C-alpha cells in the first residue's frame, strides 16, 4: 500500500501545500489505494527533508 506523507489540513484546505495537494489528487484520480499520514514530524523520515513524499513498501520517493 502507498503511504503519502503530507502536512495536513489548514485554513479550510485539505493541505496548505500545492505539491501535497497535487499528489493527493493524483492518487485519488488514479484510484490507487493509499493512506495519508499528516504532521510535521514526518520531515525527519523524508529523504530530502521535504514534504510530500510517498512510501510504497520499501521504496521511498521524495519530491512531487
N, C-alpha and C. Protein backbone atom coordinates (compact mmCIF):
# COMPACT_ATOMS: atom_id res chain seq x y z
N UNK A 1 0.84 -1.18 0.00
CA UNK A 1 0.00 0.00 0.00
C UNK A 1 0.89 1.24 0.00
N UNK A 2 0.45 2.26 -0.70
CA UNK A 2 1.16 3.53 -0.78
C UNK A 2 0.81 4.37 0.44
N UNK A 3 1.81 4.98 1.04
CA UNK A 3 1.61 5.89 2.16
C UNK A 3 2.09 7.27 1.72
N UNK A 4 1.20 8.24 1.78
CA UNK A 4 1.51 9.63 1.42
C UNK A 4 1.75 10.42 2.70
N UNK A 5 2.92 11.01 2.82
CA UNK A 5 3.25 11.85 3.97
C UNK A 5 3.09 13.30 3.54
N UNK A 6 2.26 14.05 4.29
CA UNK A 6 1.96 15.44 3.93
C UNK A 6 1.76 16.27 5.18
N UNK A 7 1.54 17.59 5.02
CA UNK A 7 1.37 18.49 6.16
C UNK A 7 0.06 18.28 6.90
N UNK A 8 -1.06 18.24 6.19
CA UNK A 8 -2.36 18.08 6.80
C UNK A 8 -3.21 19.31 6.61
N UNK A 9 -4.46 19.25 7.03
CA UNK A 9 -5.40 20.34 6.79
C UNK A 9 -5.04 21.63 7.52
N UNK A 10 -5.31 22.75 6.83
CA UNK A 10 -5.10 24.08 7.41
C UNK A 10 -5.89 25.09 6.59
N UNK A 11 -6.41 26.10 7.24
CA UNK A 11 -7.13 27.20 6.59
C UNK A 11 -8.22 26.72 5.64
N UNK A 12 -9.01 25.78 6.06
CA UNK A 12 -10.14 25.23 5.29
C UNK A 12 -9.69 24.52 4.01
N UNK A 13 -8.42 24.15 3.92
CA UNK A 13 -7.90 23.38 2.79
C UNK A 13 -7.51 21.99 3.28
N UNK A 14 -7.49 21.03 2.37
CA UNK A 14 -7.03 19.70 2.76
C UNK A 14 -5.55 19.71 3.10
N UNK A 15 -4.81 20.63 2.47
CA UNK A 15 -3.38 20.79 2.74
C UNK A 15 -2.96 22.16 2.24
N UNK A 16 -2.13 22.90 2.98
CA UNK A 16 -1.71 24.23 2.51
C UNK A 16 -0.69 24.18 1.38
N UNK A 17 -0.07 23.05 1.16
CA UNK A 17 0.95 22.91 0.13
C UNK A 17 0.35 22.47 -1.20
N UNK A 18 0.57 23.23 -2.28
CA UNK A 18 0.05 22.80 -3.58
C UNK A 18 0.71 21.50 -4.05
N UNK A 19 1.93 21.22 -3.62
CA UNK A 19 2.61 20.00 -4.01
C UNK A 19 1.97 18.78 -3.34
N UNK A 20 1.60 18.93 -2.07
CA UNK A 20 0.91 17.86 -1.37
C UNK A 20 -0.47 17.61 -1.97
N UNK A 21 -1.17 18.69 -2.29
CA UNK A 21 -2.49 18.56 -2.90
C UNK A 21 -2.41 17.85 -4.25
N UNK A 22 -1.39 18.19 -5.04
CA UNK A 22 -1.22 17.57 -6.35
C UNK A 22 -1.10 16.06 -6.22
N UNK A 23 -0.25 15.59 -5.34
CA UNK A 23 -0.06 14.15 -5.17
C UNK A 23 -1.31 13.50 -4.60
N UNK A 24 -1.94 14.16 -3.65
CA UNK A 24 -3.17 13.64 -3.05
C UNK A 24 -4.24 13.43 -4.12
N UNK A 25 -4.45 14.43 -4.97
CA UNK A 25 -5.48 14.34 -6.00
C UNK A 25 -5.09 13.35 -7.09
N UNK A 26 -3.83 13.27 -7.46
CA UNK A 26 -3.40 12.28 -8.46
C UNK A 26 -3.67 10.86 -7.97
N UNK A 27 -3.36 10.59 -6.72
CA UNK A 27 -3.61 9.26 -6.18
C UNK A 27 -5.10 8.95 -6.15
N UNK A 28 -5.92 9.93 -5.79
CA UNK A 28 -7.37 9.73 -5.77
C UNK A 28 -7.92 9.50 -7.17
N UNK A 29 -7.47 10.32 -8.13
CA UNK A 29 -7.95 10.19 -9.51
C UNK A 29 -7.51 8.87 -10.15
N UNK A 30 -6.34 8.40 -9.79
CA UNK A 30 -5.84 7.14 -10.34
C UNK A 30 -6.54 5.93 -9.73
N UNK A 31 -7.24 6.14 -8.62
CA UNK A 31 -7.95 5.06 -7.96
C UNK A 31 -7.03 4.09 -7.23
N UNK A 32 -5.84 4.56 -6.90
CA UNK A 32 -4.90 3.71 -6.19
C UNK A 32 -5.20 3.70 -4.69
N UNK A 33 -5.09 2.54 -4.05
CA UNK A 33 -5.29 2.51 -2.60
C UNK A 33 -4.09 3.16 -1.92
N UNK A 34 -4.36 4.11 -1.02
CA UNK A 34 -3.28 4.77 -0.31
C UNK A 34 -3.77 5.22 1.05
N UNK A 35 -2.81 5.47 1.91
CA UNK A 35 -3.08 6.00 3.25
C UNK A 35 -2.36 7.34 3.35
N UNK A 36 -3.00 8.32 3.95
CA UNK A 36 -2.42 9.63 4.10
C UNK A 36 -2.03 9.85 5.55
N UNK A 37 -0.77 10.22 5.78
CA UNK A 37 -0.26 10.47 7.12
C UNK A 37 0.11 11.94 7.19
N UNK A 38 -0.40 12.64 8.20
CA UNK A 38 -0.16 14.07 8.31
C UNK A 38 0.72 14.39 9.52
N UNK A 39 1.38 15.54 9.44
CA UNK A 39 2.16 16.02 10.57
C UNK A 39 3.56 16.44 10.17
N UNK A 40 4.07 17.47 10.84
CA UNK A 40 5.41 17.96 10.57
C UNK A 40 6.49 17.00 11.06
N UNK A 41 6.15 16.10 11.96
CA UNK A 41 7.12 15.12 12.45
C UNK A 41 7.62 14.19 11.36
N UNK A 42 6.91 14.15 10.23
CA UNK A 42 7.31 13.28 9.13
C UNK A 42 8.51 13.82 8.36
N UNK A 43 8.89 15.06 8.61
CA UNK A 43 10.04 15.63 7.90
C UNK A 43 11.32 14.85 8.20
N UNK A 44 11.43 14.28 9.37
CA UNK A 44 12.62 13.50 9.73
C UNK A 44 12.69 12.20 8.94
N UNK A 45 11.55 11.69 8.53
CA UNK A 45 11.52 10.45 7.75
C UNK A 45 11.79 10.70 6.27
N UNK A 46 11.64 11.93 5.84
CA UNK A 46 11.79 12.27 4.44
C UNK A 46 13.25 12.18 4.01
N UNK A 47 13.52 11.60 2.86
CA UNK A 47 14.92 11.50 2.41
C UNK A 47 15.54 12.85 2.09
N UNK A 48 14.76 13.85 1.71
CA UNK A 48 15.29 15.17 1.38
C UNK A 48 14.87 16.25 2.37
N UNK A 49 14.18 15.86 3.43
CA UNK A 49 13.74 16.82 4.44
C UNK A 49 12.60 17.70 3.98
N UNK A 50 11.82 17.23 3.01
CA UNK A 50 10.69 17.99 2.47
C UNK A 50 9.46 17.11 2.40
N UNK A 51 8.30 17.75 2.41
CA UNK A 51 7.05 17.06 2.17
C UNK A 51 6.48 17.58 0.86
N UNK A 52 5.78 16.79 0.11
CA UNK A 52 5.34 15.42 0.36
C UNK A 52 6.39 14.39 -0.09
N UNK A 53 6.19 13.18 0.40
CA UNK A 53 6.91 12.03 -0.12
C UNK A 53 6.02 10.82 0.09
N UNK A 54 6.28 9.79 -0.69
CA UNK A 54 5.47 8.58 -0.57
C UNK A 54 6.38 7.40 -0.27
N UNK A 55 5.79 6.41 0.38
CA UNK A 55 6.46 5.15 0.67
C UNK A 55 5.58 4.05 0.10
N UNK A 56 6.17 3.25 -0.76
CA UNK A 56 5.47 2.10 -1.34
C UNK A 56 6.27 0.86 -1.00
N UNK A 57 5.89 0.21 0.07
CA UNK A 57 6.67 -0.92 0.57
C UNK A 57 7.99 -0.41 1.11
N UNK A 58 9.09 -0.87 0.53
CA UNK A 58 10.42 -0.44 0.95
C UNK A 58 10.93 0.75 0.14
N UNK A 59 10.21 1.13 -0.92
CA UNK A 59 10.63 2.21 -1.80
C UNK A 59 10.10 3.55 -1.30
N UNK A 60 10.99 4.53 -1.16
CA UNK A 60 10.62 5.88 -0.75
C UNK A 60 10.89 6.80 -1.91
N UNK A 61 9.88 7.60 -2.29
CA UNK A 61 10.00 8.53 -3.39
C UNK A 61 9.79 9.94 -2.83
N UNK A 62 10.82 10.77 -2.93
CA UNK A 62 10.76 12.13 -2.41
C UNK A 62 10.41 13.10 -3.51
N UNK A 63 9.93 14.27 -3.14
CA UNK A 63 9.54 15.33 -4.06
C UNK A 63 8.30 14.91 -4.85
N UNK A 64 7.67 15.92 -5.40
CA UNK A 64 6.47 15.64 -6.19
C UNK A 64 6.77 15.85 -7.65
